[in-house]
Amino acid sequence: MPSVVHSPPPAHLDAAFLAAKHQAGLAYEEYLASNPVKAENWRKLEAQLYLTEDQQKLVRGFTREIKILAISGIWCGDCVAQCPMLVKIAQATRRQNLIDLKFVDRDVHIDLSQRVMINAGLRVPTVIFMAEDFEPVSILGDRTLTRYRSVAALQLGPSCPLPGAAIPQDELNVTLQEWLNEIERVHLLLRLSARLRERHGD
């Protein structure tokens, strides 16, 4: 009978690894301070973003802590166009750090980036959503559907939109809603989690 050779399991995302990466990550202001020149494009986009009253009410109703780790590049047009949306959503929570959002550079944290490649590529932003104890819940990247539709409509434009390029307000609004939808989905998953309900007695 021929011997069976088992290859080692692929590197995975366990809670301890993600906790270490989240701890090594930077808060938004620290991340932007790492490159003040490039950060200007982030600030311009940030100034265009707002949550509606209904969106704010939804986020203020969150009760479970969500850890979020955004693998990013401060030079990346798609990061400029989307990462400030995560910040706006996190800032809208009733309790500080209920959404605990950190940023890591894709190339500096290549050991993480390689574990969450999309279509065999190191794409940014790639966002990892975790429970309060860093158990992984969801990964979303590198563009929401609306962002993909916009890029596809350009047909053979640059594969990564230039930082600072104008984005229509309606596209920003819909893309923001798509990120909020994913965060709400993650929150509901955590809120209904049997292990977390047992832990919190709710």
C-alpha atoms as a PDB file:
ATOM      1  CA  MET A   1       0.000   0.000   0.000  1.00  0.00           C
ATOM      2  CA  PRO A   2       1.525   3.360  -1.003  1.00  0.00           C
ATOM      3  CA  SER A   3       2.305   5.749   1.788  1.00  0.00           C
ATOM      4  CA  VAL A   4       0.257   8.917   2.011  1.00  0.00           C
ATOM      5  CA  VAL A   5       2.190  12.151   2.337  1.00  0.00           C
ATOM      6  CA  HIS A   6       0.272  14.899   4.069  1.00  0.00           C
ATOM      7  CA  SER A   7       1.342  18.448   3.399  1.00  0.00           C
ATOM      8  CA  PRO A   8       1.346  20.768   6.402  1.00  0.00           C
ATOM      9  CA  PRO A   9      -1.843  22.756   6.877  1.00  0.00           C
ATOM     10  CA  PRO A  10      -1.719  26.277   5.459  1.00  0.00           C
ATOM     11  CA  ALA A  11      -0.966  29.090   7.829  1.00  0.00           C
ATOM     12  CA  HIS A  12      -4.213  30.237   9.348  1.00  0.00           C
ATOM     13  CA  LEU A  13      -5.534  33.110  11.354  1.00  0.00           C
ATOM     14  CA  ASP A  14      -5.773  32.092  14.974  1.00  0.00           C
ATOM     15  CA  ALA A  15      -6.831  34.437  17.748  1.00  0.00           C
ATOM     16  CA  ALA A  16      -3.365  34.722  19.278  1.00  0.00           C
ATOM     17  CA  PHE A  17      -1.796  35.732  15.973  1.00  0.00           C
ATOM     18  CA  LEU A  18      -4.544  38.260  15.257  1.00  0.00           C
ATOM     19  CA  ALA A  19      -4.334  39.689  18.775  1.00  0.00           C
ATOM     20  CA  ALA A  20      -0.610  40.293  18.328  1.00  0.00           C
ATOM     21  CA  LYS A  21      -1.152  41.955  14.976  1.00  0.00           C
ATOM     22  CA  HIS A  22      -3.970  44.119  16.313  1.00  0.00           C
ATOM     23  CA  GLN A  23      -1.769  45.204  19.212  1.00  0.00           C
ATOM     24  CA  ALA A  24       1.007  46.095  16.757  1.00  0.00           C
ATOM     25  CA  GLY A  25      -1.422  48.110  14.648  1.00  0.00           C
ATOM     26  CA  LEU A  26      -1.831  51.859  14.718  1.00  0.00           C
ATOM     27  CA  ALA A  27      -4.879  53.916  15.568  1.00  0.00           C
ATOM     28  CA  TYR A  28      -6.091  56.132  12.713  1.00  0.00           C
ATOM     29  CA  GLU A  29      -4.319  59.321  13.763  1.00  0.00           C
ATOM     30  CA  GLU A  30      -1.060  57.466  14.388  1.00  0.00           C
ATOM     31  CA  TYR A  31      -1.344  55.772  11.026  1.00  0.00           C
ATOM     32  CA  LEU A  32      -1.826  59.050   9.173  1.00  0.00           C
ATOM     33  CA  ALA A  33       1.034  60.622  11.108  1.00  0.00           C
ATOM     34  CA  SER A  34       3.345  58.023   9.574  1.00  0.00           C
ATOM     35  CA  ASN A  35       3.160  59.934   6.287  1.00  0.00           C
ATOM     36  CA  PRO A  36       1.664  63.446   6.662  1.00  0.00           C
ATOM     37  CA  VAL A  37       1.977  64.237   2.949  1.00  0.00           C
ATOM     38  CA  LYS A  38       0.016  61.196   1.787  1.00  0.00           C
ATOM     39  CA  ALA A  39      -2.384  61.656   4.711  1.00  0.00           C
ATOM     40  CA  GLU A  40      -3.742  64.819   3.084  1.00  0.00           C
ATOM     41  CA  ASN A  41      -5.694  62.730   0.586  1.00  0.00           C
ATOM     42  CA  TRP A  42      -7.223  60.752   3.446  1.00  0.00           C
ATOM     43  CA  ARG A  43      -8.240  63.986   5.181  1.00  0.00           C
ATOM     44  CA  LYS A  44      -9.914  65.314   2.040  1.00  0.00           C
ATOM     45  CA  LEU A  45     -11.973  62.168   1.640  1.00  0.00           C
ATOM     46  CA  GLU A  46     -12.782  62.072   5.353  1.00  0.00           C
ATOM     47  CA  ALA A  47     -14.280  65.570   5.099  1.00  0.00           C
ATOM     48  CA  GLN A  48     -16.783  64.306   2.515  1.00  0.00           C
ATOM     49  CA  LEU A  49     -18.145  61.515   4.699  1.00  0.00           C
ATOM     50  CA  TYR A  50     -21.131  61.614   6.985  1.00  0.00           C
ATOM     51  CA  LEU A  51     -23.494  59.116   8.562  1.00  0.00           C
ATOM     52  CA  THR A  52     -27.218  59.721   8.278  1.00  0.00           C
ATOM     53  CA  GLU A  53     -29.322  59.859  11.448  1.00  0.00           C
ATOM     54  CA  ASP A  54     -30.542  56.325  10.801  1.00  0.00           C
ATOM     55  CA  GLN A  55     -26.991  55.068  10.317  1.00  0.00           C
ATOM     56  CA  GLN A  56     -25.843  56.770  13.520  1.00  0.00           C
ATOM     57  CA  LYS A  57     -28.787  55.294  15.426  1.00  0.00           C
ATOM     58  CA  LEU A  58     -27.920  51.830  14.148  1.00  0.00           C
ATOM     59  CA  VAL A  59     -24.266  52.084  15.201  1.00  0.00           C
ATOM     60  CA  ARG A  60     -25.130  53.563  18.608  1.00  0.00           C
ATOM     61  CA  GLY A  61     -27.251  50.471  19.200  1.00  0.00           C
ATOM     62  CA  PHE A  62     -24.274  48.117  18.957  1.00  0.00           C
ATOM     63  CA  THR A  63     -23.417  46.336  22.189  1.00  0.00           C
ATOM     64  CA  ARG A  64     -20.799  43.743  21.251  1.00  0.00           C
ATOM     65  CA  GLU A  65     -17.166  44.749  20.949  1.00  0.00           C
ATOM     66  CA  ILE A  66     -15.730  44.330  17.453  1.00  0.00           C
ATOM     67  CA  LYS A  67     -12.007  44.230  16.767  1.00  0.00           C
ATOM     68  CA  ILE A  68     -11.115  45.412  13.286  1.00  0.00           C
ATOM     69  CA  LEU A  69      -7.734  45.232  11.608  1.00  0.00           C
ATOM     70  CA  ALA A  70      -7.322  47.052   8.297  1.00  0.00           C
ATOM     71  CA  ILE A  71      -4.393  45.940   6.164  1.00  0.00           C
ATOM     72  CA  SER A  72      -3.664  49.045   4.182  1.00  0.00           C
ATOM     73  CA  GLY A  73      -1.213  51.201   2.299  1.00  0.00           C
ATOM     74  CA  ILE A  74      -1.269  54.916   2.950  1.00  0.00           C
ATOM     75  CA  TRP A  75      -0.294  55.328  -0.727  1.00  0.00           C
ATOM     76  CA  CYS A  76      -3.263  53.289  -2.019  1.00  0.00           C
ATOM     77  CA  GLY A  77      -6.181  55.016  -3.737  1.00  0.00           C
ATOM     78  CA  ASP A  78      -8.683  52.343  -2.695  1.00  0.00           C
ATOM     79  CA  CYS A  79      -7.530  52.699   0.916  1.00  0.00           C
ATOM     80  CA  VAL A  80      -7.948  56.469   0.706  1.00  0.00           C
ATOM     81  CA  ALA A  81     -11.445  55.962  -0.692  1.00  0.00           C
ATOM     82  CA  GLN A  82     -12.636  53.423   1.889  1.00  0.00           C
ATOM     83  CA  CYS A  83     -10.649  53.278   5.132  1.00  0.00           C
ATOM     84  CA  PRO A  84     -11.901  56.640   6.452  1.00  0.00           C
ATOM     85  CA  MET A  85     -15.390  55.133   6.212  1.00  0.00           C
ATOM     86  CA  LEU A  86     -14.437  52.551   8.809  1.00  0.00           C
ATOM     87  CA  VAL A  87     -13.212  55.361  11.021  1.00  0.00           C
ATOM     88  CA  LYS A  88     -16.483  57.292  10.693  1.00  0.00           C
ATOM     89  CA  ILE A  89     -18.472  54.194  11.639  1.00  0.00           C
ATOM     90  CA  ALA A  90     -16.217  53.423  14.612  1.00  0.00           C
ATOM     91  CA  GLN A  91     -16.478  56.992  15.879  1.00  0.00           C
ATOM     92  CA  ALA A  92     -20.271  56.804  15.867  1.00  0.00           C
ATOM     93  CA  THR A  93     -20.522  54.098  18.544  1.00  0.00           C
ATOM     94  CA  ARG A  94     -21.951  55.099  21.895  1.00  0.00           C
ATOM     95  CA  ARG A  95     -19.066  53.584  23.858  1.00  0.00           C
ATOM     96  CA  GLN A  96     -15.449  54.428  23.067  1.00  0.00           C
ATOM     97  CA  ASN A  97     -13.525  51.566  21.449  1.00  0.00           C
ATOM     98  CA  LEU A  98     -16.606  49.387  21.023  1.00  0.00           C
ATOM     99  CA  ILE A  99     -15.300  49.149  17.484  1.00  0.00           C
ATOM    100  CA  ASP A 100     -11.569  48.846  18.107  1.00  0.00           C
ATOM    101  CA  LEU A 101     -10.044  49.746  14.745  1.00  0.00           C
ATOM    102  CA  LYS A 102      -6.330  49.450  13.964  1.00  0.00           C
ATOM    103  CA  PHE A 103      -4.304  49.835  10.781  1.00  0.00           C
ATOM    104  CA  VAL A 104      -1.233  47.913   9.636  1.00  0.00           C
ATOM    105  CA  ASP A 105       0.868  48.454   6.550  1.00  0.00           C
ATOM    106  CA  ARG A 106       0.582  45.638   4.038  1.00  0.00           C
ATOM    107  CA  ASP A 107       4.305  45.381   3.336  1.00  0.00           C
ATOM    108  CA  VAL A 108       5.511  45.833   6.908  1.00  0.00           C
ATOM    109  CA  HIS A 109       3.192  43.034   8.079  1.00  0.00           C
ATOM    110  CA  ILE A 110       3.716  40.744   5.102  1.00  0.00           C
ATOM    111  CA  ASP A 111       3.286  37.636   7.271  1.00  0.00           C
ATOM    112  CA  LEU A 112      -0.297  38.735   7.863  1.00  0.00           C
ATOM    113  CA  SER A 113      -0.918  39.983   4.328  1.00  0.00           C
ATOM    114  CA  GLN A 114       0.123  36.660   2.845  1.00  0.00           C
ATOM    115  CA  ARG A 115      -2.452  34.819   4.952  1.00  0.00           C
ATOM    116  CA  VAL A 116      -5.347  36.854   3.581  1.00  0.00           C
ATOM    117  CA  MET A 117      -4.454  37.131  -0.081  1.00  0.00           C
ATOM    118  CA  ILE A 118      -7.398  37.675  -2.418  1.00  0.00           C
ATOM    119  CA  ASN A 119      -7.282  35.959  -5.798  1.00  0.00           C
ATOM    120  CA  ALA A 120      -3.578  35.221  -5.109  1.00  0.00           C
ATOM    121  CA  GLY A 121      -2.850  38.919  -4.635  1.00  0.00           C
ATOM    122  CA  LEU A 122      -1.748  41.147  -1.758  1.00  0.00           C
ATOM    123  CA  ARG A 123      -4.710  43.483  -2.049  1.00  0.00           C
ATOM    124  CA  VAL A 124      -5.472  46.522   0.030  1.00  0.00           C
ATOM    125  CA  PRO A 125      -7.491  47.389   1.895  1.00  0.00           C
ATOM    126  CA  THR A 126      -8.214  43.982   3.329  1.00  0.00           C
ATOM    127  CA  VAL A 127     -10.202  44.237   6.539  1.00  0.00           C
ATOM    128  CA  ILE A 128     -10.344  41.525   9.186  1.00  0.00           C
ATOM    129  CA  PHE A 129     -13.290  41.569  11.598  1.00  0.00           C
ATOM    130  CA  MET A 130     -12.914  39.782  14.935  1.00  0.00           C
ATOM    131  CA  ALA A 131     -14.775  39.101  18.149  1.00  0.00           C
ATOM    132  CA  GLU A 132     -13.724  40.708  21.426  1.00  0.00           C
ATOM    133  CA  ASP A 133     -11.264  37.849  22.011  1.00  0.00           C
ATOM    134  CA  PHE A 134      -9.816  38.158  18.486  1.00  0.00           C
ATOM    135  CA  GLU A 135     -11.546  35.094  17.086  1.00  0.00           C
ATOM    136  CA  PRO A 136     -11.873  35.800  13.345  1.00  0.00           C
ATOM    137  CA  VAL A 137     -15.368  36.486  12.053  1.00  0.00           C
ATOM    138  CA  SER A 138     -15.109  37.959   8.565  1.00  0.00           C
ATOM    139  CA  ILE A 139     -12.667  39.276   5.975  1.00  0.00           C
ATOM    140  CA  LEU A 140     -13.607  41.871   3.361  1.00  0.00           C
ATOM    141  CA  GLY A 141     -11.396  43.341   0.685  1.00  0.00           C
ATOM    142  CA  ASP A 142     -10.266  44.994  -1.418  1.00  0.00           C
ATOM    143  CA  ARG A 143     -13.270  46.893  -2.700  1.00  0.00           C
ATOM    144  CA  THR A 144     -16.976  46.794  -2.011  1.00  0.00           C
ATOM    145  CA  LEU A 145     -19.335  46.089  -4.901  1.00  0.00           C
ATOM    146  CA  THR A 146     -19.934  49.786  -5.553  1.00  0.00           C
ATOM    147  CA  ARG A 147     -16.199  50.462  -5.736  1.00  0.00           C
ATOM    148  CA  TYR A 148     -15.764  47.553  -8.133  1.00  0.00           C
ATOM    149  CA  ARG A 149     -18.588  48.809 -10.332  1.00  0.00           C
ATOM    150  CA  SER A 150     -16.994  52.247 -10.450  1.00  0.00           C
ATOM    151  CA  VAL A 151     -13.583  50.870 -11.409  1.00  0.00           C
ATOM    152  CA  ALA A 152     -15.138  48.517 -13.964  1.00  0.00           C
ATOM    153  CA  ALA A 153     -17.008  51.438 -15.528  1.00  0.00           C
ATOM    154  CA  LEU A 154     -13.674  53.109 -16.253  1.00  0.00           C
ATOM    155  CA  GLN A 155     -12.668  50.078 -18.378  1.00  0.00           C
ATOM    156  CA  LEU A 156      -8.926  49.707 -18.496  1.00  0.00           C
ATOM    157  CA  GLY A 157      -8.275  52.630 -16.185  1.00  0.00           C
ATOM    158  CA  PRO A 158      -5.538  52.336 -13.558  1.00  0.00           C
ATOM    159  CA  SER A 159      -5.849  49.181 -11.499  1.00  0.00           C
ATOM    160  CA  CYS A 160      -5.486  51.228  -8.343  1.00  0.00           C
ATOM    161  CA  PRO A 161      -7.214  54.624  -8.524  1.00  0.00           C
ATOM    162  CA  LEU A 162      -4.919  57.521  -7.867  1.00  0.00           C
ATOM    163  CA  PRO A 163      -5.070  58.893  -4.321  1.00  0.00           C
ATOM    164  CA  GLY A 164      -7.002  62.130  -4.268  1.00  0.00           C
ATOM    165  CA  ALA A 165      -8.976  61.413  -7.439  1.00  0.00           C
ATOM    166  CA  ALA A 166     -12.481  62.847  -7.196  1.00  0.00           C
ATOM    167  CA  ILE A 167     -15.203  60.382  -6.187  1.00  0.00           C
ATOM    168  CA  PRO A 168     -18.870  61.247  -6.693  1.00  0.00           C
ATOM    169  CA  GLN A 169     -20.734  61.824  -3.439  1.00  0.00           C
ATOM    170  CA  ASP A 170     -23.416  59.258  -4.245  1.00  0.00           C
ATOM    171  CA  GLU A 171     -20.722  56.614  -4.725  1.00  0.00           C
ATOM    172  CA  LEU A 172     -19.170  57.539  -1.385  1.00  0.00           C
ATOM    173  CA  ASN A 173     -22.557  57.287   0.331  1.00  0.00           C
ATOM    174  CA  VAL A 174     -23.333  53.845  -1.092  1.00  0.00           C
ATOM    175  CA  THR A 175     -19.833  52.513  -0.382  1.00  0.00           C
ATOM    176  CA  LEU A 176     -20.081  53.756   3.200  1.00  0.00           C
ATOM    177  CA  GLN A 177     -23.399  51.918   3.535  1.00  0.00           C
ATOM    178  CA  GLU A 178     -21.809  48.725   2.211  1.00  0.00           C
ATOM    179  CA  TRP A 179     -19.069  48.847   4.852  1.00  0.00           C
ATOM    180  CA  LEU A 180     -21.698  49.570   7.487  1.00  0.00           C
ATOM    181  CA  ASN A 181     -23.729  46.595   6.277  1.00  0.00           C
ATOM    182  CA  GLU A 182     -20.758  44.290   6.820  1.00  0.00           C
ATOM    183  CA  ILE A 183     -20.050  45.704  10.275  1.00  0.00           C
ATOM    184  CA  GLU A 184     -23.722  45.304  11.203  1.00  0.00           C
ATOM    185  CA  ARG A 185     -23.644  41.706   9.938  1.00  0.00           C
ATOM    186  CA  VAL A 186     -20.568  41.002  12.055  1.00  0.00           C
ATOM    187  CA  HIS A 187     -22.193  42.630  15.080  1.00  0.00           C
ATOM    188  CA  LEU A 188     -25.342  40.543  14.714  1.00  0.00           C
ATOM    189  CA  LEU A 189     -23.253  37.389  14.361  1.00  0.00           C
ATOM    190  CA  LEU A 190     -21.470  38.277  17.596  1.00  0.00           C
ATOM    191  CA  ARG A 191     -24.663  39.338  19.357  1.00  0.00           C
ATOM    192  CA  LEU A 192     -26.303  35.998  18.544  1.00  0.00           C
ATOM    193  CA  SER A 193     -23.198  33.912  19.231  1.00  0.00           C
ATOM    194  CA  ALA A 194     -24.015  31.235  21.803  1.00  0.00           C
ATOM    195  CA  ARG A 195     -20.541  31.334  23.335  1.00  0.00           C
ATOM    196  CA  LEU A 196     -20.615  35.125  23.727  1.00  0.00           C
ATOM    197  CA  ARG A 197     -24.172  35.129  25.078  1.00  0.00           C
ATOM    198  CA  GLU A 198     -23.095  32.609  27.684  1.00  0.00           C
ATOM    199  CA  ARG A 199     -20.056  34.745  28.525  1.00  0.00           C
ATOM    200  CA  HIS A 200     -22.087  37.941  28.875  1.00  0.00           C
ATOM    201  CA  GLY A 201     -25.223  36.386  30.310  1.00  0.00           C
ATOM    202  CA  ASP A 202     -27.494  37.910  27.693  1.00  0.00           C
END
